[in-house]
Amino acid sequence: MRVSTVNHFIVSCLLTLLGLMIINSVSDLIYDNPSPLKPHSAQLAKGEPIKGGGSQDNVRTSSTLEERLAHGDLTNGKKIFGHCALCHTPIKNGPNRVGPPLFGVVNRKPADIKGYSYSKAMRAFGETGVKWDEATLDAYLRAPRSVVAGTAMSFAGVTNDQDRADLILYLSTLKDPFAPSQSH
């Protein structure tokens, strides 16, 4: 009788692992990122735009981040956030989901939400002193695993430069209206 129970447990674990691998593969196919960004920390520190690897049909691929933000579409950013909302909540003091809540994320230190179990890689990234400013978010949202190797976030990234800027614009609205500005 015991062997049967152990076998069922092993089969259940293997099927769960197989299911997670399939979900990850399908996610990579849906959010294809054929040429991941290799960010340069000097560019991130200076707030310079990270170049390269954008979608060929993206008309504004060569625009700087500041230009893309200036021409941003908040409605499109909110729509794109719908993909993020599967794992993150946009509300203040929102619950942890697969990922932490993103209320107040812009200019916040990475791995800074109390009570959320961040990956070792994200905690180490947060200890570097970097903040989730627009340039860092732009690079991370382009290719999360290229910016934080070992991140638990399985999302492949937003390859369209303007969509990424629109998403960052929306994320910048997720804050208290009278909160003091956290300048870069």
N, C-alpha and C. Protein backbone atom coordinates (compact mmCIF):
# COMPACT_ATOMS: atom_id res chain seq x y z
N MET A 1 0.82 -1.19 0.00
CA MET A 1 0.00 0.00 0.00
C MET A 1 0.86 1.25 0.00
N ARG A 2 1.94 1.25 0.74
CA ARG A 2 2.81 2.42 0.83
C ARG A 2 3.48 2.74 -0.50
N VAL A 3 3.91 1.73 -1.23
CA VAL A 3 4.57 1.94 -2.50
C VAL A 3 3.64 2.67 -3.46
N SER A 4 2.38 2.29 -3.47
CA SER A 4 1.40 2.94 -4.32
C SER A 4 1.25 4.42 -3.98
N THR A 5 1.22 4.76 -2.71
CA THR A 5 1.10 6.16 -2.28
C THR A 5 2.33 6.95 -2.68
N VAL A 6 3.51 6.37 -2.50
CA VAL A 6 4.76 7.03 -2.89
C VAL A 6 4.79 7.24 -4.40
N ASN A 7 4.37 6.23 -5.14
CA ASN A 7 4.34 6.35 -6.60
C ASN A 7 3.39 7.46 -7.04
N HIS A 8 2.25 7.56 -6.42
CA HIS A 8 1.28 8.61 -6.75
C HIS A 8 1.88 9.98 -6.44
N PHE A 9 2.56 10.09 -5.31
CA PHE A 9 3.20 11.37 -4.94
C PHE A 9 4.27 11.75 -5.97
N ILE A 10 5.11 10.81 -6.36
CA ILE A 10 6.17 11.09 -7.33
C ILE A 10 5.57 11.48 -8.67
N VAL A 11 4.56 10.77 -9.12
CA VAL A 11 3.91 11.09 -10.39
C VAL A 11 3.27 12.48 -10.32
N SER A 12 2.65 12.82 -9.20
CA SER A 12 2.03 14.14 -9.04
C SER A 12 3.08 15.25 -9.11
N CYS A 13 4.20 15.04 -8.46
CA CYS A 13 5.28 16.04 -8.49
C CYS A 13 5.83 16.21 -9.90
N LEU A 14 6.03 15.10 -10.59
CA LEU A 14 6.55 15.17 -11.96
C LEU A 14 5.57 15.86 -12.90
N LEU A 15 4.29 15.56 -12.75
CA LEU A 15 3.28 16.21 -13.60
C LEU A 15 3.19 17.70 -13.30
N THR A 16 3.32 18.09 -12.04
CA THR A 16 3.32 19.51 -11.68
C THR A 16 4.51 20.21 -12.30
N LEU A 17 5.68 19.60 -12.21
CA LEU A 17 6.90 20.16 -12.81
C LEU A 17 6.75 20.28 -14.32
N LEU A 18 6.21 19.25 -14.94
CA LEU A 18 5.99 19.29 -16.38
C LEU A 18 5.03 20.42 -16.75
N GLY A 19 3.97 20.58 -15.97
CA GLY A 19 3.01 21.66 -16.22
C GLY A 19 3.65 23.03 -16.11
N LEU A 20 4.48 23.24 -15.10
CA LEU A 20 5.18 24.52 -14.95
C LEU A 20 6.12 24.79 -16.12
N MET A 21 6.81 23.75 -16.58
CA MET A 21 7.71 23.91 -17.73
C MET A 21 6.92 24.28 -18.99
N ILE A 22 5.78 23.68 -19.17
CA ILE A 22 4.94 23.99 -20.33
C ILE A 22 4.44 25.42 -20.26
N ILE A 23 3.99 25.86 -19.08
CA ILE A 23 3.51 27.23 -18.91
C ILE A 23 4.63 28.22 -19.22
N ASN A 24 5.83 27.96 -18.74
CA ASN A 24 6.97 28.83 -19.00
C ASN A 24 7.28 28.88 -20.49
N SER A 25 7.25 27.74 -21.16
CA SER A 25 7.53 27.70 -22.60
C SER A 25 6.47 28.46 -23.39
N VAL A 26 5.22 28.26 -23.04
CA VAL A 26 4.13 28.96 -23.73
C VAL A 26 4.25 30.47 -23.50
N SER A 27 4.59 30.87 -22.28
CA SER A 27 4.79 32.29 -21.98
C SER A 27 5.89 32.87 -22.84
N ASP A 28 7.00 32.14 -22.99
CA ASP A 28 8.09 32.62 -23.84
C ASP A 28 7.66 32.73 -25.30
N LEU A 29 6.80 31.82 -25.75
CA LEU A 29 6.32 31.89 -27.13
C LEU A 29 5.39 33.09 -27.34
N ILE A 30 4.52 33.32 -26.37
CA ILE A 30 3.57 34.43 -26.49
C ILE A 30 4.28 35.76 -26.43
N TYR A 31 5.20 35.91 -25.49
CA TYR A 31 5.93 37.15 -25.30
C TYR A 31 7.35 36.98 -25.83
N ASP A 32 7.45 36.64 -27.11
CA ASP A 32 8.72 36.32 -27.73
C ASP A 32 9.71 37.47 -27.57
N ASN A 33 10.90 37.14 -27.19
CA ASN A 33 11.99 38.10 -27.01
C ASN A 33 13.21 37.53 -27.71
N PRO A 34 13.29 37.63 -29.05
CA PRO A 34 14.33 36.94 -29.79
C PRO A 34 15.75 37.45 -29.52
N SER A 35 15.91 38.71 -29.16
CA SER A 35 17.27 39.21 -28.92
C SER A 35 17.29 39.96 -27.61
N PRO A 36 17.52 39.24 -26.50
CA PRO A 36 17.47 39.91 -25.20
C PRO A 36 18.53 40.99 -25.08
N LEU A 37 18.16 42.01 -24.35
CA LEU A 37 19.01 43.15 -24.11
C LEU A 37 20.13 42.80 -23.15
N LYS A 38 21.33 43.24 -23.44
CA LYS A 38 22.46 43.10 -22.54
C LYS A 38 22.76 44.50 -22.02
N PRO A 39 22.10 44.91 -20.91
CA PRO A 39 22.24 46.28 -20.45
C PRO A 39 23.64 46.57 -19.93
N HIS A 40 24.01 47.80 -20.02
CA HIS A 40 25.28 48.28 -19.50
C HIS A 40 24.97 49.07 -18.25
N SER A 41 25.55 48.65 -17.13
CA SER A 41 25.24 49.30 -15.87
C SER A 41 25.58 50.78 -15.89
N ALA A 42 26.58 51.18 -16.67
CA ALA A 42 26.92 52.60 -16.75
C ALA A 42 25.77 53.38 -17.38
N GLN A 43 25.12 52.81 -18.39
CA GLN A 43 23.98 53.48 -19.01
C GLN A 43 22.83 53.59 -18.02
N LEU A 44 22.59 52.52 -17.25
CA LEU A 44 21.52 52.56 -16.27
C LEU A 44 21.79 53.63 -15.22
N ALA A 45 23.03 53.71 -14.76
CA ALA A 45 23.38 54.67 -13.72
C ALA A 45 23.21 56.11 -14.21
N LYS A 46 23.52 56.36 -15.49
CA LYS A 46 23.41 57.71 -16.04
C LYS A 46 22.00 58.03 -16.50
N GLY A 47 21.13 57.02 -16.55
CA GLY A 47 19.77 57.24 -17.02
C GLY A 47 19.69 57.35 -18.53
N GLU A 48 20.74 56.90 -19.24
CA GLU A 48 20.72 56.95 -20.69
C GLU A 48 19.83 55.84 -21.23
N PRO A 49 19.24 56.06 -22.41
CA PRO A 49 18.41 55.00 -22.97
C PRO A 49 19.25 53.81 -23.38
N ILE A 50 18.70 52.63 -23.22
CA ILE A 50 19.35 51.41 -23.64
C ILE A 50 18.92 51.15 -25.07
N LYS A 51 19.88 50.98 -25.96
CA LYS A 51 19.57 50.83 -27.38
C LYS A 51 19.64 49.38 -27.81
N GLY A 52 18.89 49.08 -28.88
CA GLY A 52 19.03 47.80 -29.54
C GLY A 52 17.94 46.80 -29.22
N GLY A 53 17.74 45.89 -30.18
CA GLY A 53 16.86 44.76 -29.96
C GLY A 53 15.38 45.04 -30.05
N GLY A 54 14.97 46.24 -30.45
CA GLY A 54 13.56 46.58 -30.50
C GLY A 54 12.84 45.91 -31.65
N SER A 55 11.55 45.93 -31.59
CA SER A 55 10.72 45.36 -32.64
C SER A 55 10.94 46.10 -33.95
N GLN A 56 11.05 45.36 -35.04
CA GLN A 56 11.31 45.96 -36.35
C GLN A 56 10.15 46.84 -36.81
N ASP A 57 8.94 46.53 -36.38
CA ASP A 57 7.80 47.33 -36.79
C ASP A 57 7.55 48.51 -35.85
N ASN A 58 8.40 48.71 -34.88
CA ASN A 58 8.24 49.81 -33.95
C ASN A 58 8.79 51.08 -34.58
N VAL A 59 7.93 52.02 -34.90
CA VAL A 59 8.32 53.24 -35.57
C VAL A 59 9.26 54.08 -34.72
N ARG A 60 9.11 54.03 -33.38
CA ARG A 60 9.87 54.89 -32.49
C ARG A 60 11.05 54.17 -31.83
N THR A 61 11.58 53.13 -32.46
CA THR A 61 12.67 52.37 -31.87
C THR A 61 13.87 53.24 -31.54
N SER A 62 14.16 54.23 -32.37
CA SER A 62 15.35 55.04 -32.16
C SER A 62 15.12 56.21 -31.20
N SER A 63 13.91 56.42 -30.75
CA SER A 63 13.62 57.51 -29.83
C SER A 63 14.25 57.25 -28.47
N THR A 64 14.60 58.33 -27.79
CA THR A 64 15.09 58.18 -26.43
C THR A 64 13.93 57.86 -25.52
N LEU A 65 14.24 57.37 -24.35
CA LEU A 65 13.19 57.06 -23.38
C LEU A 65 12.40 58.31 -23.04
N GLU A 66 13.08 59.42 -22.87
CA GLU A 66 12.39 60.67 -22.53
C GLU A 66 11.39 61.05 -23.62
N GLU A 67 11.77 60.90 -24.89
CA GLU A 67 10.85 61.20 -26.00
C GLU A 67 9.66 60.24 -25.99
N ARG A 68 9.94 58.98 -25.76
CA ARG A 68 8.85 58.00 -25.74
C ARG A 68 7.89 58.27 -24.59
N LEU A 69 8.42 58.65 -23.42
CA LEU A 69 7.56 58.99 -22.29
C LEU A 69 6.75 60.25 -22.57
N ALA A 70 7.37 61.23 -23.21
CA ALA A 70 6.68 62.48 -23.53
C ALA A 70 5.52 62.24 -24.48
N HIS A 71 5.65 61.25 -25.35
CA HIS A 71 4.58 60.93 -26.31
C HIS A 71 3.78 59.71 -25.85
N GLY A 72 3.90 59.39 -24.58
CA GLY A 72 3.27 58.19 -24.05
C GLY A 72 1.75 58.22 -24.07
N ASP A 73 1.18 57.04 -24.08
CA ASP A 73 -0.27 56.85 -24.10
C ASP A 73 -0.66 56.09 -22.82
N LEU A 74 -1.20 56.83 -21.87
CA LEU A 74 -1.57 56.27 -20.57
C LEU A 74 -2.59 55.15 -20.71
N THR A 75 -3.54 55.30 -21.62
CA THR A 75 -4.56 54.27 -21.83
C THR A 75 -3.92 52.98 -22.32
N ASN A 76 -2.97 53.09 -23.25
CA ASN A 76 -2.27 51.90 -23.74
C ASN A 76 -1.44 51.29 -22.60
N GLY A 77 -0.81 52.11 -21.77
CA GLY A 77 -0.04 51.61 -20.64
C GLY A 77 -0.89 50.82 -19.68
N LYS A 78 -2.09 51.32 -19.42
CA LYS A 78 -3.01 50.60 -18.52
C LYS A 78 -3.44 49.28 -19.14
N LYS A 79 -3.65 49.28 -20.46
CA LYS A 79 -4.02 48.06 -21.17
C LYS A 79 -2.88 47.04 -21.08
N ILE A 80 -1.65 47.48 -21.29
CA ILE A 80 -0.50 46.59 -21.23
C ILE A 80 -0.34 46.05 -19.81
N PHE A 81 -0.66 46.88 -18.81
CA PHE A 81 -0.55 46.44 -17.43
C PHE A 81 -1.47 45.24 -17.17
N GLY A 82 -2.47 45.06 -17.98
CA GLY A 82 -3.35 43.89 -17.84
C GLY A 82 -2.57 42.59 -17.82
N HIS A 83 -1.48 42.51 -18.60
CA HIS A 83 -0.62 41.33 -18.57
C HIS A 83 0.08 41.21 -17.21
N CYS A 84 0.52 42.35 -16.67
CA CYS A 84 1.22 42.37 -15.38
C CYS A 84 0.27 42.00 -14.24
N ALA A 85 -1.01 42.38 -14.40
CA ALA A 85 -2.00 42.19 -13.34
C ALA A 85 -2.28 40.71 -13.07
N LEU A 86 -1.82 39.84 -13.94
CA LEU A 86 -1.97 38.42 -13.67
C LEU A 86 -1.14 38.04 -12.44
N CYS A 87 -0.03 38.75 -12.22
CA CYS A 87 0.88 38.42 -11.11
C CYS A 87 1.05 39.56 -10.09
N HIS A 88 0.72 40.79 -10.47
CA HIS A 88 0.93 41.96 -9.61
C HIS A 88 -0.37 42.75 -9.46
N THR A 89 -0.57 43.32 -8.28
CA THR A 89 -1.72 44.19 -8.07
C THR A 89 -1.25 45.64 -8.13
N PRO A 90 -2.09 46.55 -8.66
CA PRO A 90 -1.69 47.96 -8.76
C PRO A 90 -2.18 48.82 -7.59
N ILE A 91 -2.79 48.22 -6.58
CA ILE A 91 -3.41 49.02 -5.52
C ILE A 91 -2.48 49.19 -4.31
N LYS A 92 -2.67 50.28 -3.60
CA LYS A 92 -1.88 50.57 -2.42
C LYS A 92 -2.13 49.50 -1.36
N ASN A 93 -1.05 49.04 -0.76
CA ASN A 93 -1.11 47.97 0.25
C ASN A 93 -1.81 46.73 -0.29
N GLY A 94 -1.71 46.55 -1.61
CA GLY A 94 -2.34 45.39 -2.23
C GLY A 94 -1.69 44.10 -1.79
N PRO A 95 -2.40 43.01 -1.99
CA PRO A 95 -1.86 41.72 -1.56
C PRO A 95 -0.72 41.26 -2.46
N ASN A 96 0.15 40.44 -1.89
CA ASN A 96 1.17 39.79 -2.70
C ASN A 96 0.48 38.73 -3.53
N ARG A 97 0.87 38.66 -4.77
CA ARG A 97 0.41 37.58 -5.63
C ARG A 97 1.65 36.76 -5.98
N VAL A 98 1.74 36.29 -7.19
CA VAL A 98 2.97 35.63 -7.63
C VAL A 98 4.12 36.64 -7.54
N GLY A 99 3.81 37.90 -7.83
CA GLY A 99 4.76 39.00 -7.68
C GLY A 99 4.26 39.99 -6.65
N PRO A 100 5.11 40.94 -6.27
CA PRO A 100 4.70 41.93 -5.26
C PRO A 100 3.78 42.99 -5.87
N PRO A 101 3.06 43.74 -5.03
CA PRO A 101 2.23 44.84 -5.56
C PRO A 101 3.13 45.91 -6.19
N LEU A 102 2.62 46.57 -7.23
CA LEU A 102 3.42 47.56 -7.94
C LEU A 102 3.03 49.00 -7.65
N PHE A 103 2.16 49.22 -6.68
CA PHE A 103 1.81 50.58 -6.28
C PHE A 103 3.08 51.24 -5.73
N GLY A 104 3.44 52.39 -6.27
CA GLY A 104 4.62 53.13 -5.81
C GLY A 104 5.94 52.55 -6.28
N VAL A 105 5.92 51.73 -7.33
CA VAL A 105 7.15 51.09 -7.78
C VAL A 105 8.15 52.06 -8.39
N VAL A 106 7.68 53.11 -9.07
CA VAL A 106 8.61 54.03 -9.73
C VAL A 106 9.41 54.78 -8.67
N ASN A 107 10.71 54.69 -8.77
CA ASN A 107 11.72 55.28 -7.87
C ASN A 107 11.84 54.55 -6.54
N ARG A 108 11.23 53.38 -6.44
CA ARG A 108 11.37 52.56 -5.23
C ARG A 108 12.59 51.65 -5.40
N LYS A 109 13.17 51.26 -4.29
CA LYS A 109 14.29 50.32 -4.29
C LYS A 109 13.76 48.92 -4.64
N PRO A 110 14.46 48.16 -5.47
CA PRO A 110 14.04 46.79 -5.75
C PRO A 110 14.03 45.94 -4.47
N ALA A 111 13.15 44.98 -4.43
CA ALA A 111 13.02 44.03 -3.32
C ALA A 111 12.74 44.75 -2.00
N ASP A 112 11.83 45.74 -2.03
CA ASP A 112 11.60 46.59 -0.88
C ASP A 112 10.23 46.42 -0.23
N ILE A 113 9.41 45.51 -0.71
CA ILE A 113 8.08 45.30 -0.13
C ILE A 113 8.21 44.30 1.01
N LYS A 114 7.84 44.74 2.19
CA LYS A 114 7.89 43.88 3.37
C LYS A 114 6.86 42.75 3.23
N GLY A 115 7.26 41.56 3.58
CA GLY A 115 6.35 40.43 3.55
C GLY A 115 6.34 39.68 2.23
N TYR A 116 7.04 40.19 1.20
CA TYR A 116 7.11 39.45 -0.06
C TYR A 116 8.43 38.70 -0.11
N SER A 117 8.40 37.47 -0.56
CA SER A 117 9.60 36.64 -0.62
C SER A 117 10.27 36.78 -1.99
N TYR A 118 11.20 37.73 -2.08
CA TYR A 118 11.92 37.97 -3.33
C TYR A 118 12.97 36.89 -3.57
N SER A 119 13.32 36.72 -4.82
CA SER A 119 14.40 35.79 -5.15
C SER A 119 15.72 36.35 -4.64
N LYS A 120 16.67 35.48 -4.46
CA LYS A 120 18.01 35.89 -4.01
C LYS A 120 18.60 36.89 -5.01
N ALA A 121 18.38 36.66 -6.29
CA ALA A 121 18.91 37.56 -7.33
C ALA A 121 18.31 38.96 -7.21
N MET A 122 17.00 39.05 -6.96
CA MET A 122 16.35 40.36 -6.85
C MET A 122 16.80 41.08 -5.57
N ARG A 123 16.97 40.34 -4.49
CA ARG A 123 17.47 40.97 -3.25
C ARG A 123 18.87 41.52 -3.47
N ALA A 124 19.72 40.76 -4.16
CA ALA A 124 21.09 41.23 -4.44
C ALA A 124 21.06 42.46 -5.35
N PHE A 125 20.15 42.48 -6.32
CA PHE A 125 20.00 43.63 -7.21
C PHE A 125 19.59 44.86 -6.40
N GLY A 126 18.67 44.68 -5.47
CA GLY A 126 18.23 45.78 -4.62
C GLY A 126 19.32 46.32 -3.73
N GLU A 127 20.25 45.47 -3.35
CA GLU A 127 21.35 45.89 -2.48
C GLU A 127 22.41 46.71 -3.21
N THR A 128 22.33 46.81 -4.53
CA THR A 128 23.31 47.59 -5.30
C THR A 128 23.06 49.09 -5.20
N GLY A 129 21.90 49.48 -4.65
CA GLY A 129 21.58 50.90 -4.53
C GLY A 129 20.78 51.44 -5.70
N VAL A 130 20.49 50.61 -6.69
CA VAL A 130 19.71 51.03 -7.84
C VAL A 130 18.26 51.27 -7.41
N LYS A 131 17.55 52.12 -8.13
CA LYS A 131 16.12 52.34 -7.92
C LYS A 131 15.38 51.99 -9.20
N TRP A 132 14.10 51.76 -9.05
CA TRP A 132 13.26 51.50 -10.22
C TRP A 132 12.90 52.83 -10.87
N ASP A 133 13.89 53.55 -11.37
CA ASP A 133 13.61 54.77 -12.11
C ASP A 133 13.20 54.38 -13.53
N GLU A 134 12.88 55.36 -14.35
CA GLU A 134 12.37 55.07 -15.69
C GLU A 134 13.37 54.26 -16.53
N ALA A 135 14.66 54.61 -16.47
CA ALA A 135 15.67 53.91 -17.27
C ALA A 135 15.83 52.46 -16.81
N THR A 136 15.85 52.24 -15.51
CA THR A 136 16.00 50.89 -14.99
C THR A 136 14.77 50.05 -15.32
N LEU A 137 13.58 50.64 -15.14
CA LEU A 137 12.35 49.93 -15.52
C LEU A 137 12.32 49.61 -17.01
N ASP A 138 12.76 50.56 -17.83
CA ASP A 138 12.77 50.34 -19.28
C ASP A 138 13.64 49.13 -19.63
N ALA A 139 14.83 49.07 -19.06
CA ALA A 139 15.73 47.95 -19.33
C ALA A 139 15.15 46.64 -18.78
N TYR A 140 14.64 46.68 -17.56
CA TYR A 140 14.11 45.47 -16.92
C TYR A 140 12.87 44.95 -17.65
N LEU A 141 11.97 45.84 -17.99
CA LEU A 141 10.74 45.41 -18.66
C LEU A 141 11.01 44.92 -20.08
N ARG A 142 12.13 45.34 -20.65
CA ARG A 142 12.53 44.87 -21.98
C ARG A 142 12.94 43.40 -21.92
N ALA A 143 13.74 43.05 -20.91
CA ALA A 143 14.24 41.68 -20.78
C ALA A 143 14.63 41.44 -19.31
N PRO A 144 13.67 41.07 -18.48
CA PRO A 144 13.93 40.95 -17.04
C PRO A 144 15.13 40.09 -16.68
N ARG A 145 15.27 38.95 -17.33
CA ARG A 145 16.36 38.04 -16.98
C ARG A 145 17.72 38.54 -17.42
N SER A 146 17.75 39.50 -18.34
CA SER A 146 19.02 40.08 -18.76
C SER A 146 19.50 41.14 -17.77
N VAL A 147 18.58 41.77 -17.07
CA VAL A 147 18.94 42.80 -16.10
C VAL A 147 19.19 42.17 -14.73
N VAL A 148 18.34 41.23 -14.34
CA VAL A 148 18.50 40.54 -13.06
C VAL A 148 18.58 39.04 -13.35
N ALA A 149 19.80 38.60 -13.63
CA ALA A 149 20.00 37.17 -13.91
C ALA A 149 19.58 36.37 -12.68
N GLY A 150 18.70 35.41 -12.90
CA GLY A 150 18.23 34.59 -11.79
C GLY A 150 16.93 35.07 -11.18
N THR A 151 16.32 36.11 -11.78
CA THR A 151 15.03 36.57 -11.27
C THR A 151 14.00 35.46 -11.39
N ALA A 152 13.07 35.44 -10.46
CA ALA A 152 12.00 34.45 -10.51
C ALA A 152 10.91 34.84 -11.50
N MET A 153 10.94 36.09 -11.99
CA MET A 153 9.92 36.56 -12.92
C MET A 153 10.10 35.85 -14.26
N SER A 154 9.10 35.07 -14.67
CA SER A 154 9.22 34.29 -15.90
C SER A 154 8.76 35.05 -17.14
N PHE A 155 8.27 36.26 -16.97
CA PHE A 155 7.81 37.09 -18.09
C PHE A 155 9.01 37.41 -18.99
N ALA A 156 8.88 37.20 -20.29
CA ALA A 156 9.99 37.39 -21.23
C ALA A 156 10.31 38.86 -21.47
N GLY A 157 9.32 39.75 -21.37
CA GLY A 157 9.59 41.17 -21.56
C GLY A 157 8.67 41.81 -22.58
N VAL A 158 8.70 43.14 -22.63
CA VAL A 158 7.92 43.93 -23.59
C VAL A 158 8.92 44.45 -24.61
N THR A 159 8.89 43.91 -25.82
CA THR A 159 9.91 44.26 -26.81
C THR A 159 9.63 45.58 -27.53
N ASN A 160 8.38 45.99 -27.58
CA ASN A 160 8.05 47.24 -28.27
C ASN A 160 8.41 48.43 -27.38
N ASP A 161 9.32 49.28 -27.87
CA ASP A 161 9.83 50.40 -27.08
C ASP A 161 8.73 51.34 -26.61
N GLN A 162 7.78 51.68 -27.47
CA GLN A 162 6.73 52.62 -27.08
C GLN A 162 5.76 51.98 -26.09
N ASP A 163 5.46 50.71 -26.28
CA ASP A 163 4.60 50.02 -25.31
C ASP A 163 5.24 50.02 -23.93
N ARG A 164 6.56 49.80 -23.89
CA ARG A 164 7.27 49.81 -22.61
C ARG A 164 7.19 51.19 -21.97
N ALA A 165 7.37 52.24 -22.76
CA ALA A 165 7.27 53.61 -22.23
C ALA A 165 5.86 53.88 -21.74
N ASP A 166 4.85 53.43 -22.47
CA ASP A 166 3.47 53.61 -22.05
C ASP A 166 3.20 52.89 -20.72
N LEU A 167 3.77 51.69 -20.57
CA LEU A 167 3.61 50.94 -19.33
C LEU A 167 4.29 51.69 -18.17
N ILE A 168 5.48 52.21 -18.39
CA ILE A 168 6.19 52.97 -17.36
C ILE A 168 5.40 54.22 -16.99
N LEU A 169 4.82 54.87 -17.98
CA LEU A 169 3.99 56.04 -17.73
C LEU A 169 2.81 55.66 -16.83
N TYR A 170 2.17 54.54 -17.11
CA TYR A 170 1.06 54.08 -16.26
C TYR A 170 1.56 53.75 -14.85
N LEU A 171 2.68 53.03 -14.75
CA LEU A 171 3.22 52.68 -13.43
C LEU A 171 3.52 53.93 -12.61
N SER A 172 3.92 55.02 -13.28
CA SER A 172 4.24 56.25 -12.56
C SER A 172 3.00 56.90 -11.96
N THR A 173 1.80 56.50 -12.39
CA THR A 173 0.56 57.03 -11.81
C THR A 173 0.14 56.27 -10.56
N LEU A 174 0.77 55.13 -10.31
CA LEU A 174 0.41 54.29 -9.17
C LEU A 174 1.15 54.79 -7.93
N LYS A 175 0.69 55.90 -7.39
CA LYS A 175 1.32 56.50 -6.21
C LYS A 175 0.31 57.38 -5.52
N ASP A 176 0.62 57.75 -4.29
CA ASP A 176 -0.23 58.69 -3.57
C ASP A 176 -0.14 60.04 -4.26
N PRO A 177 -1.27 60.73 -4.46
CA PRO A 177 -1.23 62.00 -5.20
C PRO A 177 -0.41 63.09 -4.51
N PHE A 178 -0.27 63.04 -3.21
CA PHE A 178 0.45 64.10 -2.52
C PHE A 178 1.75 63.59 -1.91
N ALA A 179 2.22 62.45 -2.38
CA ALA A 179 3.48 61.90 -1.87
C ALA A 179 4.63 62.76 -2.34
N PRO A 180 5.65 62.96 -1.50
CA PRO A 180 6.81 63.73 -1.94
C PRO A 180 7.51 63.03 -3.09
N SER A 181 8.00 63.81 -4.03
CA SER A 181 8.67 63.27 -5.19
C SER A 181 10.00 62.65 -4.79
N GLN A 182 10.27 61.48 -5.34
CA GLN A 182 11.55 60.82 -5.10
C GLN A 182 12.39 61.05 -6.36
N SER A 183 13.15 62.11 -6.36
CA SER A 183 13.92 62.43 -7.57
C SER A 183 15.06 61.47 -7.74
N HIS A 184 15.53 61.39 -8.98
CA HIS A 184 16.60 60.44 -9.34
C HIS A 184 17.91 60.99 -8.85
